[in-house]
Amino acid sequence: MILASLARYYRRLAAETDEMGNPKVPPYGFSEEKIGWILVLDTEGRLKTAVPNLTADKKPQPKLMSVPRPEKRTSGIKPNFLWDKTAYALGVEANKNKAEAKEKPFTTAEKTFDAFKQYHLNLLQNSDDEGLQALCRFLQNWQPENFATENLPAEMLDANIAFSLEKPTALIHKREAAQGLWAGCLKSDEALEGLCLISGDTAPIARLHPAIKGVFGGQSSGGSIISFNKEAFASFGKEQGANAPVSEQSAFAYTTALNYLLRRENNHCLTIGDASTVFWAEADNNATAQAAEGFFAHVFTPPDDEQESAKVFNVLEQMGKGRPLQEIAPELSPNTRFYILGLAPNAARISVRFWLDTTFGQLAENLAQHWQDLALEPCAWKMPPSIWRLLLQTAVLGKSENISPVLAGEMTRAVICGTPYPMSLLSQLITRIRADGDVNGLRVAMMKAVLERRFRKGFIEEGVPMSLNNENPNRAYLLGRLFAVLERIQYQALGELNAGIADRYYGSASAVPFSVFPRLLSGAKHHLSRLRKDKAGMAVNLDKDLGEIIAKLPETFPRHLSIDEQGRFAIGYYHQKQSYFAKKETAETIEN
């Protein structure tokens, strides 16, 4: 199902063009590769010049170019057709010895050059095409030592290079004769015919599938979703691709589509944890599919423009209130098919972390439910946070490299599939609060989301309030509120301290209330006594809050609170604490 939907997506891309009018994906037998330099030859095969083929960025990178697909070099020497890295095409590579590199920047690679030379002379010697003959003459006369005598730049070493005739734009691999020759090379006599599992047609079966590149943390040479390279993986005497028969054209289609999705500039890929998450849509027309893809991308990576971001999240907010999707955003069709695929590297293979095949209407409902579960008053953010920003709250020092990849994958799956959030998210948040004492809005919103979804799914018996609820009888919620009142009393009586009760006792109070609260209440009496002398009205109000909460609590404090209850404690603490800030802001507004 995954490969079939990718193959269909390839056919859609093949019918579209980019801003330059070129097809978005190359035709069968070709691949988009990073070509750093173009060697311009004359008709006699002499090297005229070497032209860099780089982007105009601050840090220039090789441009992507459609070239004959590369060989899979798992072992041995295998040259590419009409292009390759300098070790093959010129017989030189960068000197790996750093001590010698300044004086001698390159070393020769005669074996790979000889293979490249012989391969092309065998294929091109009978051609009467001017460009192919020029390349033949170049290879016959070129020696690796010529790299220095031709004064070619050291930056070219180890880069991929292609060839052109007379001018940089007249690429030899794009000549009609070259493409006809390559089409003949693609028809392998060794390929056995069989029933393709993707197309259902009888066709030559791919022995090896093209490499998939761009998976975060994967090998630069790429990896495979389907590969059989040990006897233990084979069955019934079949070898490699014959164990999962996919035709050569279908293998090309799904890998090309996946490579397109994995390129960051195409805005179809998100890196969450150690997984590269790609997404695409199927609809009756391209405009509807692109609208769905763009909406999903903006939800996961909100645009910098506040108005644009507000439009996206307004749709989710309205859906959360029960309004139909097409009524809110007519350009989005709930019947659009939507696919999300999470990939992670596993040596030379690629693991499928998660796969979602659903309608866009159902996906939008799941996303709306996520924001509804996170909803908190007062609101914990000015701009709606991405999943990655939420996950940073679970990381030590707030660094992305400290985010658990397993937690990132489980949370992403919960958001897009509407399943319960992982309990590890709740325990991780509690751990971080104990470590740094920061009970901020984003952390509390995630705790509330975990508990609210568990309640809705029937795992727990009681929901969580979105804002301060003075009538909520839950003991953990009340204890959190009580702790916030005690902290407020201390602050009003003593002012700013180097280490207040929140810094010293929050972890113990939220886990083992019995051992902490009697001591804190005793200290609060002294603080209130002092406060009555300076701020009598403030003392009365805080004493009233204290009494109302204590009246709802049982006679004895619980000896310990569960993980769920520690989450409720944090929510109660946040609600009560924020209520004092709200009162202060209201008072300041009235005075002004």
Protein backbone atom coordinates (compact mmCIF):
# COMPACT_ATOMS: atom_id res chain seq x y z
CA MET A 1 0.00 0.00 0.00
CA ILE A 2 2.85 2.42 0.82
CA LEU A 3 4.72 1.70 -2.42
CA ALA A 4 1.57 1.79 -4.55
CA SER A 5 0.56 5.22 -3.24
CA LEU A 6 4.10 6.51 -3.81
CA ALA A 7 4.03 5.19 -7.39
CA ARG A 8 0.73 7.03 -7.99
CA TYR A 9 2.27 10.19 -6.54
CA TYR A 10 5.19 9.85 -8.98
CA ARG A 11 2.75 9.84 -11.91
CA ARG A 12 1.18 13.04 -10.57
CA LEU A 13 4.58 14.72 -10.22
CA ALA A 14 5.65 13.59 -13.70
CA ALA A 15 2.70 15.51 -15.16
CA GLU A 16 3.62 18.74 -13.30
CA THR A 17 6.35 21.29 -14.01
CA ASP A 18 8.42 23.49 -11.70
CA GLU A 19 8.95 27.27 -11.91
CA MET A 20 11.49 26.80 -14.71
CA GLY A 21 9.07 24.71 -16.77
CA ASN A 22 10.94 21.44 -16.16
CA PRO A 23 9.21 18.24 -14.98
CA LYS A 24 9.21 17.98 -11.18
CA VAL A 25 10.65 14.47 -11.36
CA PRO A 26 12.91 12.85 -13.96
CA PRO A 27 11.63 10.22 -16.43
CA TYR A 28 12.28 6.49 -16.02
CA GLY A 29 15.96 5.66 -15.90
CA PHE A 30 17.04 9.13 -14.74
CA SER A 31 17.72 10.58 -11.31
CA GLU A 32 18.22 14.02 -9.80
CA GLU A 33 21.75 14.19 -8.46
CA LYS A 34 23.95 16.97 -7.13
CA ILE A 35 26.30 17.93 -9.97
CA GLY A 36 28.94 20.39 -8.77
CA TRP A 37 30.91 21.01 -11.99
CA ILE A 38 30.45 20.86 -15.76
CA LEU A 39 33.46 20.13 -17.98
CA VAL A 40 33.08 21.90 -21.33
CA LEU A 41 34.73 20.00 -24.25
CA ASP A 42 35.32 21.03 -27.82
CA THR A 43 34.54 18.74 -30.78
CA GLU A 44 38.06 17.29 -30.64
CA GLY A 45 37.61 16.25 -27.01
CA ARG A 46 39.89 18.94 -25.60
CA LEU A 47 38.93 20.49 -22.25
CA LYS A 48 37.95 24.11 -22.78
CA THR A 49 36.91 25.07 -19.24
CA ALA A 50 35.39 23.83 -16.00
CA VAL A 51 32.24 25.66 -14.91
CA PRO A 52 30.90 25.46 -11.32
CA ASN A 53 27.26 24.39 -11.10
CA LEU A 54 26.40 25.82 -7.67
CA THR A 55 23.49 27.56 -5.97
CA ALA A 56 23.62 31.29 -5.23
CA ASP A 57 23.29 30.82 -1.44
CA LYS A 58 25.69 32.13 1.23
CA LYS A 59 27.07 28.61 1.36
CA PRO A 60 26.87 27.47 -2.28
CA GLN A 61 25.80 23.87 -2.83
CA PRO A 62 25.86 21.72 -5.99
CA LYS A 63 22.69 22.07 -8.03
CA LEU A 64 20.37 19.16 -8.68
CA MET A 65 20.45 17.92 -12.26
CA SER A 66 18.56 15.16 -14.03
CA VAL A 67 21.16 12.57 -15.10
CA PRO A 68 21.14 8.84 -15.95
CA ARG A 69 20.41 7.01 -12.69
CA PRO A 70 23.48 6.07 -10.64
CA GLU A 71 24.73 2.56 -10.03
CA LYS A 72 24.31 1.03 -6.56
CA ARG A 73 27.87 0.69 -5.29
CA THR A 74 27.44 -1.70 -2.39
CA SER A 75 30.72 -3.29 -3.47
CA GLY A 76 33.09 -3.25 -6.42
CA ILE A 77 33.69 -0.57 -9.04
CA LYS A 78 30.67 0.52 -11.09
CA PRO A 79 30.85 3.70 -13.23
CA ASN A 80 27.83 5.89 -13.97
CA PHE A 81 26.76 6.79 -17.48
CA LEU A 82 28.06 10.18 -18.75
CA TRP A 83 28.62 11.61 -15.25
CA ASP A 84 30.32 10.64 -12.01
CA LYS A 85 32.52 11.89 -9.19
CA THR A 86 36.08 12.90 -10.04
CA ALA A 87 37.58 9.58 -8.87
CA TYR A 88 35.77 7.91 -11.80
CA ALA A 89 35.47 10.66 -14.42
CA LEU A 90 38.98 12.15 -14.02
CA GLY A 91 40.85 9.58 -11.96
CA VAL A 92 41.60 11.98 -9.07
CA GLU A 93 40.29 12.32 -5.54
CA ALA A 94 41.04 14.54 -2.55
CA ASN A 95 44.14 13.62 -0.57
CA LYS A 96 43.00 12.08 2.72
CA ASN A 97 46.36 12.73 4.35
CA LYS A 98 45.94 16.18 5.91
CA ALA A 99 49.69 16.69 6.36
CA GLU A 100 50.29 16.25 2.62
CA ALA A 101 47.06 17.86 1.38
CA LYS A 102 48.47 21.41 1.16
CA GLU A 103 51.36 20.45 -1.11
CA LYS A 104 49.57 17.65 -2.97
CA PRO A 105 45.78 18.21 -2.84
CA PHE A 106 44.85 15.11 -4.85
CA THR A 107 45.78 11.48 -5.33
CA THR A 108 45.18 9.37 -8.41
CA ALA A 109 42.46 6.74 -8.66
CA GLU A 110 43.51 4.78 -11.72
CA LYS A 111 41.29 1.72 -11.21
CA THR A 112 38.06 3.68 -11.08
CA PHE A 113 39.11 5.92 -13.99
CA ASP A 114 40.05 2.91 -16.13
CA ALA A 115 36.65 1.36 -15.42
CA PHE A 116 34.87 4.63 -16.34
CA LYS A 117 36.97 5.01 -19.50
CA GLN A 118 36.54 1.44 -20.73
CA TYR A 119 32.80 1.42 -19.97
CA HIS A 120 32.21 4.54 -22.07
CA LEU A 121 34.55 3.60 -24.94
CA ASN A 122 32.72 0.28 -25.30
CA LEU A 123 29.34 2.04 -25.39
CA LEU A 124 30.19 5.16 -27.42
CA GLN A 125 32.83 4.11 -29.96
CA ASN A 126 30.29 3.15 -32.64
CA SER A 127 28.19 6.31 -32.23
CA ASP A 128 28.42 9.02 -34.83
CA ASP A 129 27.02 11.70 -32.49
CA GLU A 130 29.34 14.68 -32.24
CA GLY A 131 29.02 15.05 -28.47
CA LEU A 132 29.54 11.37 -27.68
CA GLN A 133 32.57 11.25 -29.97
CA ALA A 134 34.03 14.30 -28.22
CA LEU A 135 33.75 12.50 -24.88
CA CYS A 136 35.41 9.40 -26.36
CA ARG A 137 38.37 11.48 -27.52
CA PHE A 138 38.59 13.19 -24.13
CA LEU A 139 38.74 9.88 -22.27
CA GLN A 140 41.30 8.43 -24.68
CA ASN A 141 43.66 11.38 -24.15
CA TRP A 142 43.03 12.22 -20.49
CA GLN A 143 45.49 11.20 -17.79
CA PRO A 144 44.82 11.76 -14.05
CA GLU A 145 48.02 13.86 -13.87
CA ASN A 146 46.38 16.33 -16.28
CA PHE A 147 44.29 17.62 -13.37
CA ALA A 148 47.28 19.65 -12.19
CA THR A 149 48.53 20.73 -15.64
CA GLU A 150 45.06 21.98 -16.62
CA ASN A 151 45.00 24.09 -13.41
CA LEU A 152 41.64 22.69 -12.37
CA PRO A 153 40.45 23.97 -8.94
CA ALA A 154 40.91 21.80 -5.84
CA GLU A 155 37.24 22.48 -4.94
CA MET A 156 36.27 20.15 -7.76
CA LEU A 157 37.83 17.08 -6.08
CA ASP A 158 35.29 14.41 -5.06
CA ALA A 159 32.41 16.40 -6.59
CA ASN A 160 30.08 14.96 -9.21
CA ILE A 161 30.84 16.26 -12.71
CA ALA A 162 29.00 16.13 -16.03
CA PHE A 163 30.17 16.93 -19.58
CA SER A 164 28.97 19.43 -22.19
CA LEU A 165 29.94 20.31 -25.76
CA GLU A 166 31.26 23.81 -26.60
CA LYS A 167 29.07 25.57 -23.97
CA PRO A 168 27.93 24.69 -20.42
CA THR A 169 24.25 24.40 -21.32
CA ALA A 170 24.79 21.85 -24.13
CA LEU A 171 24.99 18.84 -21.80
CA ILE A 172 26.10 15.65 -23.50
CA HIS A 173 23.84 13.34 -21.45
CA LYS A 174 20.80 15.30 -22.72
CA ARG A 175 21.59 14.74 -26.39
CA GLU A 176 19.11 12.58 -28.26
CA ALA A 177 21.75 9.99 -29.18
CA ALA A 178 22.88 9.71 -25.54
CA GLN A 179 19.34 9.21 -24.29
CA GLY A 180 18.65 6.58 -26.95
CA LEU A 181 21.80 4.74 -25.96
CA TRP A 182 20.85 4.90 -22.29
CA ALA A 183 17.35 3.55 -23.04
CA GLY A 184 19.02 0.49 -24.59
CA CYS A 185 21.20 0.06 -21.48
CA LEU A 186 18.09 0.01 -19.27
CA LYS A 187 16.75 -3.07 -21.08
CA SER A 188 18.60 -5.70 -19.14
CA ASP A 189 18.62 -9.20 -20.58
CA GLU A 190 19.35 -10.55 -17.10
CA ALA A 191 16.10 -9.26 -15.54
CA LEU A 192 13.52 -12.01 -15.03
CA GLU A 193 9.91 -11.22 -15.74
CA GLY A 194 7.27 -11.65 -13.08
CA LEU A 195 4.06 -10.24 -11.62
CA CYS A 196 4.71 -6.79 -10.13
CA LEU A 197 3.20 -6.41 -6.65
CA ILE A 198 2.58 -2.70 -7.25
CA SER A 199 1.20 -2.43 -10.77
CA GLY A 200 -0.15 -5.95 -11.18
CA ASP A 201 1.53 -6.18 -14.61
CA THR A 202 3.94 -8.82 -15.87
CA ALA A 203 7.23 -6.99 -16.34
CA PRO A 204 11.00 -7.27 -15.70
CA ILE A 205 11.53 -7.50 -11.93
CA ALA A 206 14.05 -5.18 -10.27
CA ARG A 207 16.89 -7.11 -8.69
CA LEU A 208 18.05 -4.06 -6.71
CA HIS A 209 15.93 -0.99 -6.01
CA PRO A 210 17.33 2.56 -6.43
CA ALA A 211 18.73 4.17 -3.28
CA ILE A 212 16.57 6.41 -1.09
CA LYS A 213 18.50 9.48 0.05
CA GLY A 214 17.76 12.25 2.54
CA VAL A 215 16.50 10.27 5.54
CA PHE A 216 17.73 12.12 8.65
CA GLY A 217 20.74 10.32 10.13
CA GLY A 218 20.98 7.87 7.22
CA GLN A 219 23.97 7.03 5.06
CA SER A 220 24.94 9.62 2.44
CA SER A 221 24.87 6.90 -0.21
CA GLY A 222 21.23 6.20 0.64
CA GLY A 223 19.34 3.19 1.91
CA SER A 224 16.58 0.77 0.92
CA ILE A 225 13.14 -0.05 2.23
CA ILE A 226 13.26 -3.36 0.34
CA SER A 227 16.49 -5.36 0.18
CA PHE A 228 17.54 -8.97 0.68
CA ASN A 229 21.28 -9.44 1.05
CA LYS A 230 21.55 -12.51 3.29
CA GLU A 231 20.36 -16.08 2.85
CA ALA A 232 18.29 -15.82 6.03
CA PHE A 233 16.10 -13.15 4.39
CA ALA A 234 15.45 -15.19 1.22
CA SER A 235 12.93 -17.96 0.61
CA PHE A 236 12.17 -20.69 -1.98
CA GLY A 237 15.60 -20.22 -3.56
CA LYS A 238 14.84 -16.67 -4.69
CA GLU A 239 17.52 -13.99 -4.53
CA GLN A 240 17.34 -10.31 -3.61
CA GLY A 241 14.43 -8.44 -5.27
CA ALA A 242 12.77 -11.66 -6.45
CA ASN A 243 11.58 -12.23 -2.86
CA ALA A 244 9.30 -9.18 -3.13
CA PRO A 245 8.76 -8.81 -6.90
CA VAL A 246 8.51 -5.16 -7.95
CA SER A 247 8.99 -4.21 -11.58
CA GLU A 248 11.91 -2.00 -12.55
CA GLN A 249 9.59 0.83 -13.57
CA SER A 250 7.55 0.63 -10.34
CA ALA A 251 10.73 0.51 -8.23
CA PHE A 252 11.95 3.60 -10.05
CA ALA A 253 8.60 5.36 -9.57
CA TYR A 254 8.26 4.85 -5.80
CA THR A 255 11.92 5.63 -5.00
CA THR A 256 11.90 8.77 -7.19
CA ALA A 257 8.73 10.02 -5.51
CA LEU A 258 10.18 9.32 -2.06
CA ASN A 259 13.46 11.07 -2.87
CA TYR A 260 11.44 14.08 -4.05
CA LEU A 261 9.45 14.13 -0.80
CA LEU A 262 12.61 13.85 1.34
CA ARG A 263 14.24 16.96 -0.14
CA ARG A 264 13.64 19.78 2.34
CA GLU A 265 13.23 22.46 -0.31
CA ASN A 266 10.06 20.73 -1.56
CA ASN A 267 8.32 21.31 1.82
CA HIS A 268 7.01 17.78 2.14
CA CYS A 269 9.33 16.57 4.88
CA LEU A 270 9.49 17.17 8.64
CA THR A 271 12.22 15.91 10.97
CA ILE A 272 10.69 14.86 14.28
CA GLY A 273 13.05 13.08 16.66
CA ASP A 274 15.14 10.69 14.58
CA ALA A 275 12.37 10.16 12.01
CA SER A 276 11.96 11.91 8.67
CA THR A 277 8.21 12.35 8.21
CA VAL A 278 6.97 12.85 4.64
CA PHE A 279 3.40 13.56 3.55
CA TRP A 280 1.41 13.87 0.34
CA ALA A 281 -2.19 13.95 -0.84
CA GLU A 282 -4.38 12.49 -3.57
CA ALA A 283 -7.38 14.39 -4.91
CA ASP A 284 -9.46 14.88 -8.05
CA ASN A 285 -7.26 17.80 -9.04
CA ASN A 286 -3.79 19.09 -8.15
CA ALA A 287 -5.05 22.34 -6.60
CA THR A 288 -7.09 20.48 -3.96
CA ALA A 289 -4.21 18.12 -3.18
CA GLN A 290 -1.73 21.01 -2.87
CA ALA A 291 -4.11 22.92 -0.58
CA ALA A 292 -4.28 19.94 1.78
CA GLU A 293 -0.49 19.49 1.72
CA GLY A 294 0.11 23.19 2.37
CA PHE A 295 -2.34 23.26 5.28
CA PHE A 296 -0.71 20.25 6.95
CA ALA A 297 2.78 21.75 6.50
CA HIS A 298 1.66 25.02 8.15
CA VAL A 299 0.19 23.16 11.13
CA PHE A 300 3.48 21.37 11.84
CA THR A 301 5.74 24.33 10.95
CA PRO A 302 3.66 27.49 11.52
CA PRO A 303 4.56 30.36 9.14
CA ASP A 304 6.41 33.38 10.56
CA ASP A 305 3.62 35.67 9.44
CA GLU A 306 1.20 35.94 12.37
CA GLN A 307 -1.84 36.54 10.17
CA GLU A 308 -1.13 33.47 8.01
CA SER A 309 -0.53 31.36 11.11
CA ALA A 310 -3.77 32.61 12.68
CA LYS A 311 -5.74 31.62 9.57
CA VAL A 312 -4.53 28.02 9.78
CA PHE A 313 -5.23 27.59 13.47
CA ASN A 314 -8.55 29.39 13.20
CA VAL A 315 -9.69 26.56 10.91
CA LEU A 316 -8.76 23.99 13.57
CA GLU A 317 -10.40 26.05 16.31
CA GLN A 318 -13.63 26.30 14.34
CA MET A 319 -13.57 22.56 13.62
CA GLY A 320 -13.12 21.92 17.34
CA LYS A 321 -16.39 23.81 17.87
CA GLY A 322 -18.16 21.51 15.42
CA ARG A 323 -18.24 23.52 12.17
CA PRO A 324 -17.77 21.47 8.95
CA LEU A 325 -14.39 21.75 7.22
CA GLN A 326 -15.75 22.84 3.82
CA GLU A 327 -17.80 25.58 5.45
CA ILE A 328 -14.67 27.04 7.10
CA ALA A 329 -12.19 26.47 4.25
CA PRO A 330 -13.89 25.65 0.90
CA GLU A 331 -10.52 24.95 -0.78
CA LEU A 332 -9.96 21.97 1.54
CA SER A 333 -11.89 18.82 0.68
CA PRO A 334 -12.57 16.35 3.53
CA ASN A 335 -12.52 13.50 0.96
CA THR A 336 -8.92 14.16 -0.12
CA ARG A 337 -6.78 11.09 0.55
CA PHE A 338 -3.83 11.92 2.79
CA TYR A 339 -0.69 9.89 3.48
CA ILE A 340 1.96 10.34 6.19
CA LEU A 341 5.07 8.16 6.34
CA GLY A 342 7.71 8.21 9.10
CA LEU A 343 11.15 6.84 8.17
CA ALA A 344 14.23 6.21 10.32
CA PRO A 345 17.69 4.94 9.32
CA ASN A 346 18.79 1.41 10.17
CA ALA A 347 22.28 0.88 8.72
CA ALA A 348 21.86 0.43 4.94
CA ARG A 349 18.13 -0.13 5.38
CA ILE A 350 15.34 2.29 6.21
CA SER A 351 12.77 1.46 8.90
CA VAL A 352 9.14 2.50 8.62
CA ARG A 353 8.34 4.17 11.96
CA PHE A 354 4.69 4.88 11.21
CA TRP A 355 2.27 4.97 8.30
CA LEU A 356 -1.09 6.76 8.10
CA ASP A 357 -3.53 6.40 5.22
CA THR A 358 -6.64 8.47 5.93
CA THR A 359 -8.94 11.18 4.58
CA PHE A 360 -7.99 14.79 5.07
CA GLY A 361 -11.27 15.37 6.89
CA GLN A 362 -10.36 12.77 9.52
CA LEU A 363 -6.79 14.08 9.77
CA ALA A 364 -8.06 17.65 10.27
CA GLU A 365 -10.38 16.42 13.04
CA ASN A 366 -7.42 14.73 14.76
CA LEU A 367 -5.35 17.92 14.50
CA ALA A 368 -8.26 20.03 15.80
CA GLN A 369 -8.67 17.63 18.72
CA HIS A 370 -4.97 18.01 19.52
CA TRP A 371 -5.31 21.79 19.87
CA GLN A 372 -8.54 21.41 21.81
CA ASP A 373 -6.80 19.07 24.26
CA LEU A 374 -3.94 21.58 24.64
CA ALA A 375 -6.31 24.52 25.24
CA LEU A 376 -5.55 26.27 28.51
CA GLU A 377 -6.61 29.54 30.13
CA PRO A 378 -4.82 31.82 30.33
CA CYS A 379 -3.46 30.86 26.90
CA ALA A 380 0.07 29.45 27.08
CA TRP A 381 1.31 30.93 23.76
CA LYS A 382 1.05 33.92 21.46
CA MET A 383 1.81 31.89 18.33
CA PRO A 384 0.53 28.26 18.24
CA PRO A 385 3.51 26.00 18.92
CA SER A 386 4.69 23.25 16.58
CA ILE A 387 5.11 19.71 17.87
CA TRP A 388 8.87 20.25 17.88
CA ARG A 389 8.52 23.32 20.10
CA LEU A 390 6.34 21.33 22.49
CA LEU A 391 8.87 18.50 22.60
CA LEU A 392 11.65 20.94 23.52
CA GLN A 393 9.89 21.31 26.89
CA THR A 394 10.80 17.69 27.66
CA ALA A 395 14.50 18.09 26.82
CA VAL A 396 17.36 18.77 29.22
CA LEU A 397 18.39 22.45 28.88
CA GLY A 398 15.76 22.78 26.13
CA LYS A 399 18.19 21.42 23.52
CA SER A 400 16.82 19.56 20.51
CA GLU A 401 19.54 16.90 20.63
CA ASN A 402 18.24 15.87 24.07
CA ILE A 403 14.73 15.05 22.84
CA SER A 404 13.95 11.36 23.08
CA PRO A 405 13.45 10.08 19.49
CA VAL A 406 11.03 7.43 20.75
CA LEU A 407 8.92 10.04 22.56
CA ALA A 408 8.96 12.30 19.48
CA GLY A 409 7.67 9.48 17.27
CA GLU A 410 4.97 8.41 19.74
CA MET A 411 3.73 11.96 20.21
CA THR A 412 3.60 12.61 16.47
CA ARG A 413 1.62 9.42 16.00
CA ALA A 414 -0.81 10.47 18.76
CA VAL A 415 -1.36 13.90 17.16
CA ILE A 416 -2.00 12.68 13.60
CA CYS A 417 -3.89 9.50 14.52
CA GLY A 418 -5.91 10.80 17.48
CA THR A 419 -4.62 8.05 19.80
CA PRO A 420 -3.71 8.63 23.50
CA TYR A 421 -0.53 10.59 24.12
CA PRO A 422 2.31 8.47 25.52
CA MET A 423 2.43 8.33 29.31
CA SER A 424 6.18 8.87 29.02
CA LEU A 425 5.34 12.44 27.92
CA LEU A 426 3.66 13.11 31.27
CA SER A 427 6.46 11.53 33.32
CA GLN A 428 9.12 13.39 31.30
CA LEU A 429 7.41 16.74 31.91
CA ILE A 430 7.13 16.05 35.63
CA THR A 431 10.82 15.12 35.72
CA ARG A 432 11.82 18.35 33.96
CA ILE A 433 9.72 20.48 36.34
CA ARG A 434 11.36 18.83 39.33
CA ALA A 435 14.78 19.44 37.80
CA ASP A 436 14.42 23.10 36.81
CA GLY A 437 11.30 24.24 38.69
CA ASP A 438 9.76 25.81 35.58
CA VAL A 439 5.99 25.17 35.65
CA ASN A 440 5.32 27.05 32.41
CA GLY A 441 2.20 27.17 30.28
CA LEU A 442 3.43 24.86 27.51
CA ARG A 443 4.33 22.11 29.97
CA VAL A 444 1.03 22.43 31.81
CA ALA A 445 -0.89 22.46 28.50
CA MET A 446 0.75 19.16 27.50
CA MET A 447 -0.01 17.61 30.89
CA LYS A 448 -3.61 18.71 30.52
CA ALA A 449 -3.74 17.25 26.99
CA VAL A 450 -2.41 13.87 28.15
CA LEU A 451 -4.97 13.62 30.98
CA GLU A 452 -7.89 15.02 28.98
CA ARG A 453 -7.38 12.52 26.17
CA ARG A 454 -7.00 9.63 28.61
CA PHE A 455 -10.34 10.68 30.16
CA ARG A 456 -12.05 10.90 26.77
CA LYS A 457 -10.72 7.47 25.80
CA GLY A 458 -12.01 5.96 29.06
CA PHE A 459 -8.67 5.25 30.77
CA ILE A 460 -9.40 7.54 33.74
CA GLU A 461 -12.68 8.59 35.34
CA GLU A 462 -12.22 12.34 35.67
CA GLY A 463 -11.42 15.09 33.20
CA VAL A 464 -9.25 18.19 33.66
CA PRO A 465 -10.51 21.81 33.76
CA MET A 466 -9.27 24.22 31.11
CA SER A 467 -9.19 27.19 33.51
CA LEU A 468 -9.33 27.72 37.28
CA ASN A 469 -12.24 25.70 38.70
CA ASN A 470 -12.97 26.55 42.33
CA GLU A 471 -15.50 23.71 42.54
CA ASN A 472 -13.21 20.92 41.36
CA PRO A 473 -12.99 18.39 44.24
CA ASN A 474 -9.98 16.41 42.97
CA ARG A 475 -7.45 16.24 45.80
CA ALA A 476 -4.36 16.55 43.59
CA TYR A 477 -5.81 19.60 41.81
CA LEU A 478 -6.68 21.14 45.19
CA LEU A 479 -3.20 20.47 46.56
CA GLY A 480 -1.67 22.21 43.54
CA ARG A 481 -3.91 25.21 44.16
CA LEU A 482 -3.03 25.16 47.86
CA PHE A 483 0.69 25.17 47.07
CA ALA A 484 0.21 28.22 44.80
CA VAL A 485 -1.64 30.07 47.60
CA LEU A 486 1.12 29.25 50.11
CA GLU A 487 3.71 30.52 47.63
CA ARG A 488 1.71 33.73 47.15
CA ILE A 489 1.47 34.30 50.90
CA GLN A 490 5.22 33.91 51.30
CA TYR A 491 5.90 36.27 48.39
CA GLN A 492 3.56 38.99 49.68
CA ALA A 493 5.01 38.74 53.20
CA LEU A 494 8.75 38.46 52.42
CA GLY A 495 9.11 39.71 48.85
CA GLU A 496 11.45 38.15 46.28
CA LEU A 497 13.66 35.42 47.79
CA ASN A 498 16.68 33.55 46.46
CA ALA A 499 14.88 30.26 47.13
CA GLY A 500 11.16 30.34 47.88
CA ILE A 501 8.95 27.37 48.75
CA ALA A 502 8.45 26.56 45.05
CA ASP A 503 12.21 26.22 44.57
CA ARG A 504 12.68 24.13 47.70
CA TYR A 505 9.54 22.06 48.08
CA TYR A 506 7.64 21.75 44.76
CA GLY A 507 8.96 18.25 43.95
CA SER A 508 8.19 16.87 47.42
CA ALA A 509 4.81 18.60 47.67
CA SER A 510 3.66 17.15 44.32
CA ALA A 511 4.86 13.61 45.10
CA VAL A 512 4.59 13.13 48.91
CA PRO A 513 2.23 15.85 50.24
CA PHE A 514 2.01 14.29 53.73
CA SER A 515 5.66 15.08 54.45
CA VAL A 516 5.59 18.71 53.29
CA PHE A 517 2.24 20.49 53.63
CA PRO A 518 1.94 20.49 57.48
CA ARG A 519 5.28 22.32 57.65
CA LEU A 520 4.29 24.76 54.91
CA LEU A 521 0.95 25.56 56.59
CA SER A 522 2.75 26.24 59.85
CA GLY A 523 5.05 28.70 58.08
CA ALA A 524 2.08 30.33 56.33
CA LYS A 525 0.57 31.32 59.70
CA HIS A 526 3.64 33.41 60.50
CA HIS A 527 3.65 34.94 57.02
CA LEU A 528 -0.05 35.90 57.31
CA SER A 529 0.56 37.40 60.73
CA ARG A 530 3.28 39.61 59.26
CA LEU A 531 1.16 40.42 56.21
CA ARG A 532 -1.77 41.66 58.34
CA LYS A 533 0.43 44.46 59.67
CA ASP A 534 1.40 45.81 56.23
CA LYS A 535 -1.30 44.62 53.80
CA ALA A 536 -4.40 43.74 55.78
CA GLY A 537 -6.68 43.45 52.74
CA MET A 538 -4.26 41.17 50.94
CA ALA A 539 -3.95 38.99 54.06
CA VAL A 540 -7.73 38.61 54.33
CA ASN A 541 -8.09 37.55 50.67
CA LEU A 542 -5.26 35.05 50.81
CA ASP A 543 -6.48 33.63 54.12
CA LYS A 544 -9.91 33.21 52.52
CA ASP A 545 -8.39 31.31 49.53
CA LEU A 546 -6.45 29.13 51.96
CA GLY A 547 -9.53 28.29 54.01
CA GLU A 548 -11.73 27.49 50.99
CA ILE A 549 -9.22 25.02 49.59
CA ILE A 550 -8.44 23.32 52.93
CA ALA A 551 -12.16 22.88 53.57
CA LYS A 552 -12.46 20.74 50.42
CA LEU A 553 -9.45 18.54 51.26
CA PRO A 554 -9.64 15.32 53.34
CA GLU A 555 -8.59 15.47 57.00
CA THR A 556 -5.15 14.01 56.33
CA PHE A 557 -2.84 14.75 53.43
CA PRO A 558 -2.18 11.80 51.06
CA ARG A 559 1.14 10.03 51.57
CA HIS A 560 1.91 9.98 47.84
CA LEU A 561 0.44 11.03 44.49
CA SER A 562 0.46 8.94 41.30
CA ILE A 563 1.85 10.19 37.98
CA ASP A 564 -1.67 11.23 36.89
CA GLU A 565 -2.18 13.10 40.16
CA GLN A 566 1.17 14.86 39.90
CA GLY A 567 0.01 16.14 36.52
CA ARG A 568 -3.22 17.43 38.09
CA PHE A 569 -1.17 19.01 40.88
CA ALA A 570 0.82 21.01 38.30
CA ILE A 571 -2.38 22.10 36.51
CA GLY A 572 -3.99 23.25 39.77
CA TYR A 573 -0.83 25.10 40.75
CA TYR A 574 -0.65 26.84 37.35
CA HIS A 575 -4.36 27.82 37.37
CA GLN A 576 -4.23 29.29 40.87
CA LYS A 577 -0.95 31.11 40.30
CA GLN A 578 -2.12 32.62 37.02
CA SER A 579 -5.33 33.83 38.68
CA TYR A 580 -3.25 36.19 40.85
CA PHE A 581 -1.49 37.60 37.79
CA ALA A 582 -4.87 38.13 36.12
CA LYS A 583 -6.17 40.02 39.17
CA LYS A 584 -3.03 42.18 39.20
CA GLU A 585 -3.40 43.03 35.50
CA THR A 586 -7.09 43.86 36.00
CA ALA A 587 -6.26 46.15 38.93
CA GLU A 588 -3.59 47.96 36.91
CA THR A 589 -6.03 48.45 34.02
CA ILE A 590 -8.64 49.99 36.36
CA GLU A 591 -6.04 52.35 37.88
CA ASN A 592 -4.99 53.54 34.44
